[in-house]
Full PDB file with SEQRES, HELIX, SHEET, SSBOND, CRYST1, ORIGX, SCALE, CONECT and MASTER records, all heavy atoms in Angstrom:
SEQRES   1 A   39  ASP LEU PRO ALA LEU SER ARG GLU ALA GLY SER ALA PRO          
SEQRES   2 A   39  THR SER LEU TYR ARG LEU LEU ALA GLY GLY PRO LEU VAL          
SEQRES   3 A   39  LEU LYS PHE VAL PRO GLY ARG SER CYS PRO TYR THR THR          
HELIX    1 AA1 PRO A    3  ALA A    9  1                                   7    
HELIX    2 AA2 LEU A   16  LEU A   19  1                                   4    
HELIX    3 AA3 LEU A   20  GLY A   22  5                                   3    
CRYST1    1.000    1.000    1.000  90.00  90.00  90.00 P 1           1          
ORIGX1      1.000000  0.000000  0.000000        0.00000                         
ORIGX2      0.000000  1.000000  0.000000        0.00000                         
ORIGX3      0.000000  0.000000  1.000000        0.00000                         
SCALE1      1.000000  0.000000  0.000000        0.00000                         
SCALE2      0.000000  1.000000  0.000000        0.00000                         
SCALE3      0.000000  0.000000  1.000000        0.00000                         
ATOM      1  N   ASP A   1      -5.535   6.338  -4.950  1.00  0.00           N  
ATOM      2  CA  ASP A   1      -6.248   5.105  -5.182  1.00  0.00           C  
ATOM      3  C   ASP A   1      -5.505   3.893  -5.047  1.00  0.00           C  
ATOM      4  O   ASP A   1      -4.239   3.842  -5.608  1.00  0.00           O  
ATOM      5  CB  ASP A   1      -6.864   5.198  -6.684  1.00  0.00           C  
ATOM      6  CG  ASP A   1      -7.997   6.246  -6.704  1.00  0.00           C  
ATOM      7  OD1 ASP A   1      -8.782   6.457  -5.779  1.00  0.00           O  
ATOM      8  OD2 ASP A   1      -8.174   6.712  -7.864  1.00  0.00           O  
ATOM      9  N   LEU A   2      -5.888   2.779  -4.281  1.00  0.00           N  
ATOM     10  CA  LEU A   2      -5.043   1.687  -4.165  1.00  0.00           C  
ATOM     11  C   LEU A   2      -5.726   0.472  -4.579  1.00  0.00           C  
ATOM     12  O   LEU A   2      -6.130  -0.487  -3.870  1.00  0.00           O  
ATOM     13  CB  LEU A   2      -4.668   1.465  -2.598  1.00  0.00           C  
ATOM     14  CG  LEU A   2      -3.926   2.728  -2.017  1.00  0.00           C  
ATOM     15  CD1 LEU A   2      -3.890   2.666  -0.569  1.00  0.00           C  
ATOM     16  CD2 LEU A   2      -2.506   2.783  -2.744  1.00  0.00           C  
ATOM     17  N   PRO A   3      -6.150   0.276  -5.844  1.00  0.00           N  
ATOM     18  CA  PRO A   3      -6.919  -0.776  -6.336  1.00  0.00           C  
ATOM     19  C   PRO A   3      -6.217  -2.173  -6.172  1.00  0.00           C  
ATOM     20  O   PRO A   3      -6.832  -3.172  -5.790  1.00  0.00           O  
ATOM     21  CB  PRO A   3      -7.192  -0.560  -7.908  1.00  0.00           C  
ATOM     22  CG  PRO A   3      -6.023   0.399  -8.182  1.00  0.00           C  
ATOM     23  CD  PRO A   3      -5.788   1.144  -7.034  1.00  0.00           C  
ATOM     24  N   ALA A   4      -4.795  -2.192  -6.250  1.00  0.00           N  
ATOM     25  CA  ALA A   4      -4.106  -3.413  -6.069  1.00  0.00           C  
ATOM     26  C   ALA A   4      -4.277  -3.891  -4.638  1.00  0.00           C  
ATOM     27  O   ALA A   4      -4.384  -5.198  -4.437  1.00  0.00           O  
ATOM     28  CB  ALA A   4      -2.660  -3.220  -6.594  1.00  0.00           C  
ATOM     29  N   LEU A   5      -4.201  -2.986  -3.689  1.00  0.00           N  
ATOM     30  CA  LEU A   5      -4.360  -3.388  -2.305  1.00  0.00           C  
ATOM     31  C   LEU A   5      -5.714  -3.949  -2.077  1.00  0.00           C  
ATOM     32  O   LEU A   5      -6.004  -4.937  -1.231  1.00  0.00           O  
ATOM     33  CB  LEU A   5      -4.069  -2.269  -1.387  1.00  0.00           C  
ATOM     34  CG  LEU A   5      -4.059  -2.507   0.117  1.00  0.00           C  
ATOM     35  CD1 LEU A   5      -3.133  -3.537   0.473  1.00  0.00           C  
ATOM     36  CD2 LEU A   5      -3.914  -1.207   0.895  1.00  0.00           C  
ATOM     37  N   SER A   6      -6.840  -3.396  -2.768  1.00  0.00           N  
ATOM     38  CA  SER A   6      -8.074  -3.886  -2.598  1.00  0.00           C  
ATOM     39  C   SER A   6      -8.282  -5.240  -3.058  1.00  0.00           C  
ATOM     40  O   SER A   6      -8.881  -6.161  -2.507  1.00  0.00           O  
ATOM     41  CB  SER A   6      -9.173  -2.934  -3.309  1.00  0.00           C  
ATOM     42  OG  SER A   6      -9.004  -1.601  -2.850  1.00  0.00           O  
ATOM     43  N   ARG A   7      -7.742  -5.516  -4.273  1.00  0.00           N  
ATOM     44  CA  ARG A   7      -7.762  -6.825  -4.870  1.00  0.00           C  
ATOM     45  C   ARG A   7      -7.125  -7.927  -3.916  1.00  0.00           C  
ATOM     46  O   ARG A   7      -7.605  -8.939  -3.751  1.00  0.00           O  
ATOM     47  CB  ARG A   7      -7.087  -6.850  -6.243  1.00  0.00           C  
ATOM     48  CG  ARG A   7      -8.009  -6.070  -7.250  1.00  0.00           C  
ATOM     49  CD  ARG A   7      -7.431  -6.386  -8.646  1.00  0.00           C  
ATOM     50  NE  ARG A   7      -6.100  -6.004  -8.846  1.00  0.00           N  
ATOM     51  CZ  ARG A   7      -5.616  -4.800  -9.250  1.00  0.00           C  
ATOM     52  NH1 ARG A   7      -6.680  -3.958  -9.571  1.00  0.00           N  
ATOM     53  NH2 ARG A   7      -4.532  -4.399  -9.481  1.00  0.00           N  
ATOM     54  N   GLU A   8      -5.867  -7.525  -3.357  1.00  0.00           N  
ATOM     55  CA  GLU A   8      -5.234  -8.498  -2.541  1.00  0.00           C  
ATOM     56  C   GLU A   8      -5.976  -8.878  -1.339  1.00  0.00           C  
ATOM     57  O   GLU A   8      -6.016  -9.895  -0.882  1.00  0.00           O  
ATOM     58  CB  GLU A   8      -3.847  -7.849  -2.181  1.00  0.00           C  
ATOM     59  CG  GLU A   8      -3.065  -8.584  -1.196  1.00  0.00           C  
ATOM     60  CD  GLU A   8      -1.728  -7.926  -0.833  1.00  0.00           C  
ATOM     61  OE1 GLU A   8      -1.016  -7.420  -1.744  1.00  0.00           O  
ATOM     62  OE2 GLU A   8      -1.446  -7.823   0.351  1.00  0.00           O  
ATOM     63  N   ALA A   9      -6.657  -7.861  -0.752  1.00  0.00           N  
ATOM     64  CA  ALA A   9      -7.515  -8.039   0.521  1.00  0.00           C  
ATOM     65  C   ALA A   9      -8.846  -8.539   0.196  1.00  0.00           C  
ATOM     66  O   ALA A   9      -9.588  -8.908   1.151  1.00  0.00           O  
ATOM     67  CB  ALA A   9      -7.581  -6.738   1.301  1.00  0.00           C  
ATOM     68  N   GLY A  10      -9.198  -8.693  -1.045  1.00  0.00           N  
ATOM     69  CA  GLY A  10     -10.558  -9.121  -1.397  1.00  0.00           C  
ATOM     70  C   GLY A  10     -11.565  -8.142  -0.816  1.00  0.00           C  
ATOM     71  O   GLY A  10     -12.684  -8.552  -0.493  1.00  0.00           O  
ATOM     72  N   SER A  11     -11.220  -6.844  -0.892  1.00  0.00           N  
ATOM     73  CA  SER A  11     -12.236  -5.882  -0.194  1.00  0.00           C  
ATOM     74  C   SER A  11     -12.683  -4.895  -1.272  1.00  0.00           C  
ATOM     75  O   SER A  11     -12.301  -4.965  -2.439  1.00  0.00           O  
ATOM     76  CB  SER A  11     -11.518  -5.199   0.900  1.00  0.00           C  
ATOM     77  OG  SER A  11     -10.391  -4.416   0.388  1.00  0.00           O  
ATOM     78  N   ALA A  12     -13.579  -4.023  -0.796  1.00  0.00           N  
ATOM     79  CA  ALA A  12     -14.045  -2.985  -1.738  1.00  0.00           C  
ATOM     80  C   ALA A  12     -13.010  -2.002  -2.043  1.00  0.00           C  
ATOM     81  O   ALA A  12     -11.886  -2.014  -1.327  1.00  0.00           O  
ATOM     82  CB  ALA A  12     -15.197  -2.243  -0.986  1.00  0.00           C  
ATOM     83  N   PRO A  13     -13.062  -1.223  -3.171  1.00  0.00           N  
ATOM     84  CA  PRO A  13     -11.933  -0.357  -3.481  1.00  0.00           C  
ATOM     85  C   PRO A  13     -11.722   0.554  -2.393  1.00  0.00           C  
ATOM     86  O   PRO A  13     -12.319   1.162  -1.567  1.00  0.00           O  
ATOM     87  CB  PRO A  13     -12.523   0.484  -4.748  1.00  0.00           C  
ATOM     88  CG  PRO A  13     -13.607  -0.482  -5.236  1.00  0.00           C  
ATOM     89  CD  PRO A  13     -14.120  -1.196  -3.990  1.00  0.00           C  
ATOM     90  N   THR A  14     -10.343   0.781  -2.117  1.00  0.00           N  
ATOM     91  CA  THR A  14      -9.846   1.591  -1.039  1.00  0.00           C  
ATOM     92  C   THR A  14      -8.885   2.737  -1.609  1.00  0.00           C  
ATOM     93  O   THR A  14      -8.487   2.729  -2.781  1.00  0.00           O  
ATOM     94  CB  THR A  14      -9.186   0.751  -0.059  1.00  0.00           C  
ATOM     95  OG1 THR A  14      -8.932   1.496   1.217  1.00  0.00           O  
ATOM     96  CG2 THR A  14      -7.772   0.280  -0.389  1.00  0.00           C  
ATOM     97  N   SER A  15      -8.600   3.576  -0.712  1.00  0.00           N  
ATOM     98  CA  SER A  15      -7.653   4.694  -1.049  1.00  0.00           C  
ATOM     99  C   SER A  15      -6.733   4.931   0.236  1.00  0.00           C  
ATOM    100  O   SER A  15      -6.994   4.385   1.287  1.00  0.00           O  
ATOM    101  CB  SER A  15      -8.421   5.870  -1.342  1.00  0.00           C  
ATOM    102  OG  SER A  15      -9.076   6.340  -0.231  1.00  0.00           O  
ATOM    103  N   LEU A  16      -5.768   5.698   0.011  1.00  0.00           N  
ATOM    104  CA  LEU A  16      -4.969   6.105   1.151  1.00  0.00           C  
ATOM    105  C   LEU A  16      -5.696   6.712   2.328  1.00  0.00           C  
ATOM    106  O   LEU A  16      -5.566   6.391   3.543  1.00  0.00           O  
ATOM    107  CB  LEU A  16      -3.832   7.122   0.693  1.00  0.00           C  
ATOM    108  CG  LEU A  16      -2.893   7.626   1.730  1.00  0.00           C  
ATOM    109  CD1 LEU A  16      -1.902   6.455   2.221  1.00  0.00           C  
ATOM    110  CD2 LEU A  16      -1.947   8.686   1.279  1.00  0.00           C  
ATOM    111  N   TYR A  17      -6.644   7.631   1.897  1.00  0.00           N  
ATOM    112  CA  TYR A  17      -7.482   8.282   2.999  1.00  0.00           C  
ATOM    113  C   TYR A  17      -8.390   7.340   3.785  1.00  0.00           C  
ATOM    114  O   TYR A  17      -8.481   7.423   4.984  1.00  0.00           O  
ATOM    115  CB  TYR A  17      -8.331   9.391   2.460  1.00  0.00           C  
ATOM    116  CG  TYR A  17      -7.505  10.702   2.086  1.00  0.00           C  
ATOM    117  CD1 TYR A  17      -6.173  10.903   2.371  1.00  0.00           C  
ATOM    118  CD2 TYR A  17      -8.193  11.874   1.629  1.00  0.00           C  
ATOM    119  CE1 TYR A  17      -5.427  11.916   1.996  1.00  0.00           C  
ATOM    120  CE2 TYR A  17      -7.520  12.994   1.280  1.00  0.00           C  
ATOM    121  CZ  TYR A  17      -6.227  13.102   1.491  1.00  0.00           C  
ATOM    122  OH  TYR A  17      -5.433  14.207   1.284  1.00  0.00           O  
ATOM    123  N   ARG A  18      -8.931   6.337   2.964  1.00  0.00           N  
ATOM    124  CA  ARG A  18      -9.764   5.320   3.682  1.00  0.00           C  
ATOM    125  C   ARG A  18      -8.878   4.473   4.628  1.00  0.00           C  
ATOM    126  O   ARG A  18      -9.223   4.058   5.761  1.00  0.00           O  
ATOM    127  CB  ARG A  18     -10.455   4.491   2.721  1.00  0.00           C  
ATOM    128  CG  ARG A  18     -11.509   5.164   1.994  1.00  0.00           C  
ATOM    129  CD  ARG A  18     -12.383   4.164   1.173  1.00  0.00           C  
ATOM    130  NE  ARG A  18     -13.479   4.834   0.323  1.00  0.00           N  
ATOM    131  CZ  ARG A  18     -13.141   5.095  -0.970  1.00  0.00           C  
ATOM    132  NH1 ARG A  18     -12.141   4.639  -1.607  1.00  0.00           N  
ATOM    133  NH2 ARG A  18     -14.149   5.683  -1.766  1.00  0.00           N  
ATOM    134  N   LEU A  19      -7.584   4.133   4.205  1.00  0.00           N  
ATOM    135  CA  LEU A  19      -6.715   3.290   4.990  1.00  0.00           C  
ATOM    136  C   LEU A  19      -6.320   4.077   6.226  1.00  0.00           C  
ATOM    137  O   LEU A  19      -6.162   3.417   7.306  1.00  0.00           O  
ATOM    138  CB  LEU A  19      -5.451   3.114   4.086  1.00  0.00           C  
ATOM    139  CG  LEU A  19      -4.531   1.890   4.413  1.00  0.00           C  
ATOM    140  CD1 LEU A  19      -5.354   0.662   4.273  1.00  0.00           C  
ATOM    141  CD2 LEU A  19      -3.250   1.905   3.503  1.00  0.00           C  
ATOM    142  N   LEU A  20      -6.113   5.397   6.264  1.00  0.00           N  
ATOM    143  CA  LEU A  20      -5.885   6.255   7.321  1.00  0.00           C  
ATOM    144  C   LEU A  20      -6.972   6.180   8.553  1.00  0.00           C  
ATOM    145  O   LEU A  20      -6.621   6.368   9.635  1.00  0.00           O  
ATOM    146  CB  LEU A  20      -5.522   7.485   6.984  1.00  0.00           C  
ATOM    147  CG  LEU A  20      -4.143   7.815   6.289  1.00  0.00           C  
ATOM    148  CD1 LEU A  20      -4.192   9.301   5.855  1.00  0.00           C  
ATOM    149  CD2 LEU A  20      -2.904   7.497   7.114  1.00  0.00           C  
ATOM    150  N   ALA A  21      -8.075   5.668   8.083  1.00  0.00           N  
ATOM    151  CA  ALA A  21      -9.187   5.539   9.135  1.00  0.00           C  
ATOM    152  C   ALA A  21      -8.765   4.514  10.219  1.00  0.00           C  
ATOM    153  O   ALA A  21      -9.312   4.398  11.284  1.00  0.00           O  
ATOM    154  CB  ALA A  21     -10.454   5.251   8.522  1.00  0.00           C  
ATOM    155  N   GLY A  22      -7.881   3.653   9.565  1.00  0.00           N  
ATOM    156  CA  GLY A  22      -7.389   2.432  10.509  1.00  0.00           C  
ATOM    157  C   GLY A  22      -6.206   2.718  11.361  1.00  0.00           C  
ATOM    158  O   GLY A  22      -5.704   1.870  12.012  1.00  0.00           O  
ATOM    159  N   GLY A  23      -5.701   3.998  11.345  1.00  0.00           N  
ATOM    160  CA  GLY A  23      -4.485   4.374  12.153  1.00  0.00           C  
ATOM    161  C   GLY A  23      -3.513   5.004  11.280  1.00  0.00           C  
ATOM    162  O   GLY A  23      -3.460   4.919  10.031  1.00  0.00           O  
ATOM    163  N   PRO A  24      -2.559   5.567  11.920  1.00  0.00           N  
ATOM    164  CA  PRO A  24      -1.377   6.262  11.164  1.00  0.00           C  
ATOM    165  C   PRO A  24      -0.645   5.291  10.300  1.00  0.00           C  
ATOM    166  O   PRO A  24      -0.576   4.065  10.538  1.00  0.00           O  
ATOM    167  CB  PRO A  24      -0.624   6.792  12.325  1.00  0.00           C  
ATOM    168  CG  PRO A  24      -0.861   6.050  13.533  1.00  0.00           C  
ATOM    169  CD  PRO A  24      -2.315   5.567  13.377  1.00  0.00           C  
ATOM    170  N   LEU A  25      -0.006   5.730   9.304  1.00  0.00           N  
ATOM    171  CA  LEU A  25       0.636   4.859   8.334  1.00  0.00           C  
ATOM    172  C   LEU A  25       2.057   5.220   7.968  1.00  0.00           C  
ATOM    173  O   LEU A  25       2.435   6.393   7.695  1.00  0.00           O  
ATOM    174  CB  LEU A  25      -0.201   5.098   6.900  1.00  0.00           C  
ATOM    175  CG  LEU A  25       0.300   4.355   5.706  1.00  0.00           C  
ATOM    176  CD1 LEU A  25       0.017   2.825   5.819  1.00  0.00           C  
ATOM    177  CD2 LEU A  25      -0.440   4.882   4.434  1.00  0.00           C  
ATOM    178  N   VAL A  26       2.803   4.194   8.056  1.00  0.00           N  
ATOM    179  CA  VAL A  26       4.208   4.273   7.392  1.00  0.00           C  
ATOM    180  C   VAL A  26       4.157   4.057   5.933  1.00  0.00           C  
ATOM    181  O   VAL A  26       3.804   2.928   5.490  1.00  0.00           O  
ATOM    182  CB  VAL A  26       5.137   3.359   8.199  1.00  0.00           C  
ATOM    183  CG1 VAL A  26       6.618   3.514   7.499  1.00  0.00           C  
ATOM    184  CG2 VAL A  26       5.225   3.577   9.593  1.00  0.00           C  
ATOM    185  N   LEU A  27       4.464   4.911   5.068  1.00  0.00           N  
ATOM    186  CA  LEU A  27       4.414   4.743   3.685  1.00  0.00           C  
ATOM    187  C   LEU A  27       5.666   4.768   2.956  1.00  0.00           C  
ATOM    188  O   LEU A  27       6.447   5.825   3.236  1.00  0.00           O  
ATOM    189  CB  LEU A  27       3.429   5.953   3.044  1.00  0.00           C  
ATOM    190  CG  LEU A  27       3.248   6.056   1.492  1.00  0.00           C  
ATOM    191  CD1 LEU A  27       2.447   4.656   1.027  1.00  0.00           C  
ATOM    192  CD2 LEU A  27       2.581   7.158   1.058  1.00  0.00           C  
ATOM    193  N   LYS A  28       6.135   3.690   2.378  1.00  0.00           N  
ATOM    194  CA  LYS A  28       7.371   3.625   1.825  1.00  0.00           C  
ATOM    195  C   LYS A  28       7.416   3.511   0.383  1.00  0.00           C  
ATOM    196  O   LYS A  28       6.572   2.733  -0.265  1.00  0.00           O  
ATOM    197  CB  LYS A  28       8.197   2.458   2.362  1.00  0.00           C  
ATOM    198  CG  LYS A  28       8.460   2.521   3.883  1.00  0.00           C  
ATOM    199  CD  LYS A  28       9.388   1.525   4.352  1.00  0.00           C  
ATOM    200  CE  LYS A  28      10.792   1.647   3.526  1.00  0.00           C  
ATOM    201  NZ  LYS A  28      11.354   2.925   3.621  1.00  0.00           N  
ATOM    202  N   PHE A  29       8.303   4.306  -0.301  1.00  0.00           N  
ATOM    203  CA  PHE A  29       8.500   4.145  -1.803  1.00  0.00           C  
ATOM    204  C   PHE A  29       9.824   3.413  -2.020  1.00  0.00           C  
ATOM    205  O   PHE A  29      10.867   3.785  -1.421  1.00  0.00           O  
ATOM    206  CB  PHE A  29       8.465   5.514  -2.380  1.00  0.00           C  
ATOM    207  CG  PHE A  29       7.123   6.134  -2.532  1.00  0.00           C  
ATOM    208  CD1 PHE A  29       6.752   6.959  -1.361  1.00  0.00           C  
ATOM    209  CD2 PHE A  29       6.264   5.969  -3.542  1.00  0.00           C  
ATOM    210  CE1 PHE A  29       5.497   7.509  -1.395  1.00  0.00           C  
ATOM    211  CE2 PHE A  29       4.932   6.557  -3.614  1.00  0.00           C  
ATOM    212  CZ  PHE A  29       4.598   7.402  -2.488  1.00  0.00           C  
ATOM    213  N   VAL A  30       9.799   2.388  -2.780  1.00  0.00           N  
ATOM    214  CA  VAL A  30      11.000   1.699  -3.164  1.00  0.00           C  
ATOM    215  C   VAL A  30      11.113   1.477  -4.686  1.00  0.00           C  
ATOM    216  O   VAL A  30      10.218   1.331  -5.485  1.00  0.00           O  
ATOM    217  CB  VAL A  30      11.032   0.368  -2.488  1.00  0.00           C  
ATOM    218  CG1 VAL A  30      11.024   0.550  -0.987  1.00  0.00           C  
ATOM    219  CG2 VAL A  30       9.958  -0.679  -2.823  1.00  0.00           C  
ATOM    220  N   PRO A  31      12.402   1.298  -5.245  1.00  0.00           N  
ATOM    221  CA  PRO A  31      12.539   1.031  -6.572  1.00  0.00           C  
ATOM    222  C   PRO A  31      12.098  -0.298  -7.047  1.00  0.00           C  
ATOM    223  O   PRO A  31      11.610  -0.539  -8.219  1.00  0.00           O  
ATOM    224  CB  PRO A  31      13.984   1.149  -6.831  1.00  0.00           C  
ATOM    225  CG  PRO A  31      14.520   1.929  -5.546  1.00  0.00           C  
ATOM    226  CD  PRO A  31      13.710   1.500  -4.497  1.00  0.00           C  
ATOM    227  N   GLY A  32      12.181  -1.297  -6.193  1.00  0.00           N  
ATOM    228  CA  GLY A  32      11.874  -2.793  -6.627  1.00  0.00           C  
ATOM    229  C   GLY A  32      12.758  -3.773  -6.156  1.00  0.00           C  
ATOM    230  O   GLY A  32      13.784  -3.405  -5.532  1.00  0.00           O  
ATOM    231  N   ARG A  33      12.445  -5.077  -6.353  1.00  0.00           N  
ATOM    232  CA  ARG A  33      13.283  -6.027  -5.684  1.00  0.00           C  
ATOM    233  C   ARG A  33      14.678  -6.203  -6.261  1.00  0.00           C  
ATOM    234  O   ARG A  33      15.571  -6.864  -5.704  1.00  0.00           O  
ATOM    235  CB  ARG A  33      12.638  -7.455  -5.764  1.00  0.00           C  
ATOM    236  CG  ARG A  33      12.432  -8.009  -7.207  1.00  0.00           C  
ATOM    237  CD  ARG A  33      11.796  -9.282  -7.255  1.00  0.00           C  
ATOM    238  NE  ARG A  33      11.600  -9.766  -8.630  1.00  0.00           N  
ATOM    239  CZ  ARG A  33      12.368 -10.535  -9.312  1.00  0.00           C  
ATOM    240  NH1 ARG A  33      13.266 -11.072  -8.638  1.00  0.00           N  
ATOM    241  NH2 ARG A  33      12.143 -10.899 -10.586  1.00  0.00           N  
ATOM    242  N   SER A  34      14.966  -5.559  -7.479  1.00  0.00           N  
ATOM    243  CA  SER A  34      16.245  -5.734  -8.030  1.00  0.00           C  
ATOM    244  C   SER A  34      17.321  -4.756  -7.252  1.00  0.00           C  
ATOM    245  O   SER A  34      18.423  -4.968  -7.403  1.00  0.00           O  
ATOM    246  CB  SER A  34      16.227  -5.183  -9.531  1.00  0.00           C  
ATOM    247  OG  SER A  34      15.849  -4.016  -9.647  1.00  0.00           O  
ATOM    248  N   CYS A  35      16.866  -3.959  -6.343  1.00  0.00           N  
ATOM    249  CA  CYS A  35      17.726  -3.100  -5.626  1.00  0.00           C  
ATOM    250  C   CYS A  35      18.153  -3.838  -4.297  1.00  0.00           C  
ATOM    251  O   CYS A  35      17.313  -4.074  -3.455  1.00  0.00           O  
ATOM    252  CB  CYS A  35      16.993  -1.755  -5.280  1.00  0.00           C  
ATOM    253  SG  CYS A  35      17.907  -0.789  -4.053  1.00  0.00           S  
ATOM    254  N   PRO A  36      19.442  -4.127  -4.041  1.00  0.00           N  
ATOM    255  CA  PRO A  36      19.770  -4.781  -2.890  1.00  0.00           C  
ATOM    256  C   PRO A  36      19.559  -4.129  -1.641  1.00  0.00           C  
ATOM    257  O   PRO A  36      19.387  -4.579  -0.603  1.00  0.00           O  
ATOM    258  CB  PRO A  36      21.271  -5.150  -3.152  1.00  0.00           C  
ATOM    259  CG  PRO A  36      21.722  -4.185  -4.168  1.00  0.00           C  
ATOM    260  CD  PRO A  36      20.507  -3.845  -5.091  1.00  0.00           C  
ATOM    261  N   TYR A  37      19.714  -2.762  -1.791  1.00  0.00           N  
ATOM    262  CA  TYR A  37      19.479  -1.863  -0.629  1.00  0.00           C  
ATOM    263  C   TYR A  37      17.997  -1.857  -0.111  1.00  0.00           C  
ATOM    264  O   TYR A  37      17.819  -1.995   1.128  1.00  0.00           O  
ATOM    265  CB  TYR A  37      19.851  -0.423  -0.858  1.00  0.00           C  
ATOM    266  CG  TYR A  37      21.419  -0.201  -1.119  1.00  0.00           C  
ATOM    267  CD1 TYR A  37      21.862  -0.224  -2.463  1.00  0.00           C  
ATOM    268  CD2 TYR A  37      22.220  -0.028  -0.078  1.00  0.00           C  
ATOM    269  CE1 TYR A  37      23.206  -0.237  -2.726  1.00  0.00           C  
ATOM    270  CE2 TYR A  37      23.616   0.002  -0.336  1.00  0.00           C  
ATOM    271  CZ  TYR A  37      24.124  -0.084  -1.700  1.00  0.00           C  
ATOM    272  OH  TYR A  37      25.408   0.080  -1.964  1.00  0.00           O  
ATOM    273  N   THR A  38      17.083  -2.007  -1.103  1.00  0.00           N  
ATOM    274  CA  THR A  38      15.763  -2.089  -0.784  1.00  0.00           C  
ATOM    275  C   THR A  38      15.538  -3.509   0.005  1.00  0.00           C  
ATOM    276  O   THR A  38      14.659  -3.669   0.850  1.00  0.00           O  
ATOM    277  CB  THR A  38      14.856  -1.995  -2.062  1.00  0.00           C  
ATOM    278  OG1 THR A  38      14.955  -0.685  -2.480  1.00  0.00           O  
ATOM    279  CG2 THR A  38      13.495  -2.407  -1.818  1.00  0.00           C  
ATOM    280  N   THR A  39      16.161  -4.544  -0.701  1.00  0.00           N  
ATOM    281  CA  THR A  39      15.975  -5.750  -0.088  1.00  0.00           C  
ATOM    282  C   THR A  39      16.301  -5.770   1.452  1.00  0.00           C  
ATOM    283  O   THR A  39      15.620  -6.343   2.290  1.00  0.00           O  
ATOM    284  CB  THR A  39      16.885  -6.850  -0.734  1.00  0.00           C  
ATOM    285  OG1 THR A  39      16.426  -7.118  -2.057  1.00  0.00           O  
ATOM    286  CG2 THR A  39      16.870  -8.225  -0.039  1.00  0.00           C  
TER     287      THR A  39                                                      
MASTER        0    0    0    3    0    0    0    6  286    1    0    3          
END                                                                             
């Protein structure tokens, strides 16, 4: 479930599977902005 992405886009609630209907996805997990390697 990706409610934060839905709010950002101003769209109906979405999910990973709904997102994949728009094409293949690069999905990245990161610790956050405090990590210089992530930056």
